[in-house]
C-alpha atoms as a PDB file:
ATOM      1  CA  MET A   1     126.043 160.167  41.746  1.00  0.00           C
ATOM      2  CA  ASN A   2     123.685 160.818  44.591  1.00  0.00           C
ATOM      3  CA  GLU A   3     121.298 158.094  43.370  1.00  0.00           C
ATOM      4  CA  ASP A   4     124.200 155.673  42.961  1.00  0.00           C
ATOM      5  CA  ASP A   5     125.263 156.335  46.540  1.00  0.00           C
ATOM      6  CA  LYS A   6     121.703 155.632  47.755  1.00  0.00           C
ATOM      7  CA  LYS A   7     121.549 152.395  45.755  1.00  0.00           C
ATOM      8  CA  ASN A   8     124.957 151.338  47.075  1.00  0.00           C
ATOM      9  CA  SER A   9     123.992 152.089  50.681  1.00  0.00           C
ATOM     10  CA  GLU A  10     120.690 150.180  50.251  1.00  0.00           C
ATOM     11  CA  LEU A  11     122.596 147.266  48.738  1.00  0.00           C
ATOM     12  CA  ILE A  12     125.112 147.291  51.581  1.00  0.00           C
ATOM     13  CA  ASP A  13     122.315 147.512  54.181  1.00  0.00           C
ATOM     14  CA  GLY A  14     120.504 144.602  52.514  1.00  0.00           C
ATOM     15  CA  ILE A  15     123.608 142.408  52.456  1.00  0.00           C
ATOM     16  CA  MET A  16     124.537 143.305  56.033  1.00  0.00           C
ATOM     17  CA  GLY A  17     120.930 142.621  57.114  1.00  0.00           C
ATOM     18  CA  GLU A  18     121.226 139.093  55.747  1.00  0.00           C
ATOM     19  CA  ILE A  19     124.573 138.482  57.422  1.00  0.00           C
ATOM     20  CA  VAL A  20     123.943 140.158  60.788  1.00  0.00           C
ATOM     21  CA  PRO A  21     120.481 140.976  62.190  1.00  0.00           C
ATOM     22  CA  LYS A  22     119.692 144.645  61.975  1.00  0.00           C
ATOM     23  CA  LYS A  23     118.985 145.060  65.681  1.00  0.00           C
ATOM     24  CA  ASN A  24     122.728 144.742  66.421  1.00  0.00           C
ATOM     25  CA  PHE A  25     123.367 147.950  64.501  1.00  0.00           C
ATOM     26  CA  THR A  26     120.632 149.929  66.210  1.00  0.00           C
ATOM     27  CA  GLU A  27     121.138 148.791  69.813  1.00  0.00           C
ATOM     28  CA  VAL A  28     123.332 151.204  71.673  1.00  0.00           C
ATOM     29  CA  GLY A  29     123.495 151.463  75.450  1.00  0.00           C
ATOM     30  CA  PRO A  30     122.327 149.097  78.169  1.00  0.00           C
ATOM     31  CA  LYS A  31     120.334 145.988  77.302  1.00  0.00           C
ATOM     32  CA  PRO A  32     116.629 145.984  78.146  1.00  0.00           C
ATOM     33  CA  PRO A  33     115.746 144.268  81.428  1.00  0.00           C
ATOM     34  CA  GLY A  34     115.236 140.533  81.095  1.00  0.00           C
ATOM     35  CA  LYS A  35     116.487 137.236  82.401  1.00  0.00           C
ATOM     36  CA  SER A  36     120.221 137.217  82.796  1.00  0.00           C
ATOM     37  CA  PRO A  37     122.204 133.951  82.790  1.00  0.00           C
ATOM     38  CA  PHE A  38     122.833 134.426  86.520  1.00  0.00           C
ATOM     39  CA  GLN A  39     119.091 134.373  87.259  1.00  0.00           C
ATOM     40  CA  LYS A  40     118.779 131.080  85.358  1.00  0.00           C
ATOM     41  CA  MET A  41     121.648 129.595  87.369  1.00  0.00           C
ATOM     42  CA  ALA A  42     120.075 130.698  90.663  1.00  0.00           C
ATOM     43  CA  LYS A  43     116.927 128.695  89.913  1.00  0.00           C
ATOM     44  CA  SER A  44     118.758 125.419  89.217  1.00  0.00           C
ATOM     45  CA  PRO A  45     118.904 123.044  92.210  1.00  0.00           C
ATOM     46  CA  PRO A  46     122.211 122.977  94.083  1.00  0.00           C
ATOM     47  CA  ILE A  47     124.516 120.020  93.476  1.00  0.00           C
ATOM     48  CA  LYS A  48     125.189 118.054  96.643  1.00  0.00           C
ATOM     49  CA  ALA A  49     128.789 117.124  97.325  1.00  0.00           C
ATOM     50  CA  LYS A  50     129.664 113.433  97.666  1.00  0.00           C
ATOM     51  CA  HIS A  51     131.966 112.128 100.390  1.00  0.00           C
ATOM     52  CA  TYR A  52     133.661 108.830 101.122  1.00  0.00           C
ATOM     53  CA  TYR A  53     132.489 106.955 104.214  1.00  0.00           C
ATOM     54  CA  ASP A  54     133.649 103.852 106.076  1.00  0.00           C
ATOM     55  CA  VAL A  55     130.727 101.555 106.888  1.00  0.00           C
ATOM     56  CA  LYS A  56     131.240  98.941 109.602  1.00  0.00           C
ATOM     57  CA  VAL A  57     128.729  96.149 110.087  1.00  0.00           C
ATOM     58  CA  GLU A  58     128.779  94.105 113.284  1.00  0.00           C
ATOM     59  CA  CYS A  59     127.332  90.715 112.481  1.00  0.00           C
ATOM     60  CA  MET A  60     127.264  87.036 113.333  1.00  0.00           C
ATOM     61  CA  LEU A  61     128.873  85.124 110.518  1.00  0.00           C
ATOM     62  CA  PRO A  62     129.348  81.394 110.039  1.00  0.00           C
ATOM     63  CA  ALA A  63     133.147  81.151 110.057  1.00  0.00           C
ATOM     64  CA  THR A  64     135.868  78.598 110.645  1.00  0.00           C
ATOM     65  CA  ILE A  65     138.874  80.016 112.505  1.00  0.00           C
ATOM     66  CA  THR A  66     142.074  77.961 112.417  1.00  0.00           C
ATOM     67  CA  PHE A  67     144.732  78.245 115.162  1.00  0.00           C
ATOM     68  CA  ARG A  68     148.148  76.561 115.293  1.00  0.00           C
ATOM     69  CA  ILE A  69     148.874  75.749 118.939  1.00  0.00           C
ATOM     70  CA  LEU A  70     151.834  73.864 120.437  1.00  0.00           C
ATOM     71  CA  ALA A  71     150.461  71.707 123.283  1.00  0.00           C
ATOM     72  CA  GLU A  72     150.874  68.301 124.870  1.00  0.00           C
ATOM     73  CA  THR A  73     147.194  67.267 124.811  1.00  0.00           C
ATOM     74  CA  PRO A  74     144.124  68.284 122.770  1.00  0.00           C
ATOM     75  CA  GLU A  75     142.457  69.657 125.906  1.00  0.00           C
ATOM     76  CA  GLU A  76     145.452  71.917 126.583  1.00  0.00           C
ATOM     77  CA  ALA A  77     145.393  73.109 122.950  1.00  0.00           C
ATOM     78  CA  ALA A  78     141.715  74.013 123.336  1.00  0.00           C
ATOM     79  CA  ASP A  79     142.536  76.113 126.420  1.00  0.00           C
ATOM     80  CA  LEU A  80     145.470  77.922 124.759  1.00  0.00           C
ATOM     81  CA  ILE A  81     143.485  79.377 121.817  1.00  0.00           C
ATOM     82  CA  ARG A  82     142.080  82.157 124.008  1.00  0.00           C
ATOM     83  CA  GLY A  83     145.125  84.448 123.669  1.00  0.00           C
ATOM     84  CA  ALA A  84     146.421  83.198 120.305  1.00  0.00           C
ATOM     85  CA  ALA A  85     146.105  84.801 116.884  1.00  0.00           C
ATOM     86  CA  PRO A  86     144.343  82.801 114.176  1.00  0.00           C
ATOM     87  CA  VAL A  87     146.282  81.405 111.212  1.00  0.00           C
ATOM     88  CA  SER A  88     143.320  81.587 108.830  1.00  0.00           C
ATOM     89  CA  VAL A  89     139.656  82.545 108.781  1.00  0.00           C
ATOM     90  CA  VAL A  90     137.224  81.003 106.283  1.00  0.00           C
ATOM     91  CA  HIS A  91     133.757  82.555 106.272  1.00  0.00           C
ATOM     92  CA  ARG A  92     130.474  82.268 104.390  1.00  0.00           C
ATOM     93  CA  LEU A  93     128.495  85.465 103.781  1.00  0.00           C
ATOM     94  CA  VAL A  94     125.317  83.545 102.967  1.00  0.00           C
ATOM     95  CA  GLY A  95     124.357  82.894 106.609  1.00  0.00           C
ATOM     96  CA  ARG A  96     125.247  86.371 107.891  1.00  0.00           C
ATOM     97  CA  LYS A  97     123.075  88.031 110.566  1.00  0.00           C
ATOM     98  CA  ASP A  98     123.660  91.782 110.931  1.00  0.00           C
ATOM     99  CA  HIS A  99     123.432  93.367 114.388  1.00  0.00           C
ATOM    100  CA  LYS A 100     124.634  96.964 114.128  1.00  0.00           C
ATOM    101  CA  LEU A 101     125.538  99.326 111.270  1.00  0.00           C
ATOM    102  CA  SER A 102     127.936 102.263 111.826  1.00  0.00           C
ATOM    103  CA  VAL A 103     128.934 104.923 109.258  1.00  0.00           C
ATOM    104  CA  TYR A 104     132.140 106.945 109.753  1.00  0.00           C
ATOM    105  CA  ASP A 105     133.921 109.634 107.752  1.00  0.00           C
ATOM    106  CA  ALA A 106     136.512 107.928 105.579  1.00  0.00           C
ATOM    107  CA  GLY A 107     139.783 107.497 107.450  1.00  0.00           C
ATOM    108  CA  SER A 108     138.519 108.875 110.755  1.00  0.00           C
ATOM    109  CA  THR A 109     136.752 107.712 113.885  1.00  0.00           C
ATOM    110  CA  MET A 110     134.049 110.405 113.716  1.00  0.00           C
ATOM    111  CA  LEU A 111     130.747 108.516 113.903  1.00  0.00           C
ATOM    112  CA  ARG A 112     128.221 110.017 111.461  1.00  0.00           C
ATOM    113  CA  TRP A 113     125.279 107.578 111.610  1.00  0.00           C
ATOM    114  CA  MET A 114     124.362 104.388 113.425  1.00  0.00           C
ATOM    115  CA  LYS A 115     121.486 101.922 113.117  1.00  0.00           C
ATOM    116  CA  ASN A 116     120.626  98.955 115.324  1.00  0.00           C
ATOM    117  CA  LEU A 117     119.598  96.023 113.122  1.00  0.00           C
ATOM    118  CA  LEU A 118     119.004  93.435 115.854  1.00  0.00           C
ATOM    119  CA  GLY A 119     115.228  93.882 116.050  1.00  0.00           C
ATOM    120  CA  ARG A 120     114.567  93.331 112.328  1.00  0.00           C
END
């Protein structure tokens, strides 16, 4: 029976060796020093956070502004447009000339960056 037990244990060890690597059975205690997953993560570059910004561009734009003014003469109508609100604005972006670029945090008045474009 002793030989049968040896054969059975060898058979079991052989089958278990195929299923699970043998080093898992022998390793007991702390793992040998090596690279941990945390060390790999520390070497990866940090991910920069993205934010929303409001960008305002001051520019000269070819536009047609229409006012509706109640006046007796055309000259009087021309004088009264100074304080009136326009009825419509039709613009063309093709002939735009940018002067100043301002970048704000989204929804706030905190100025983050500004560039003067007039000298370009």
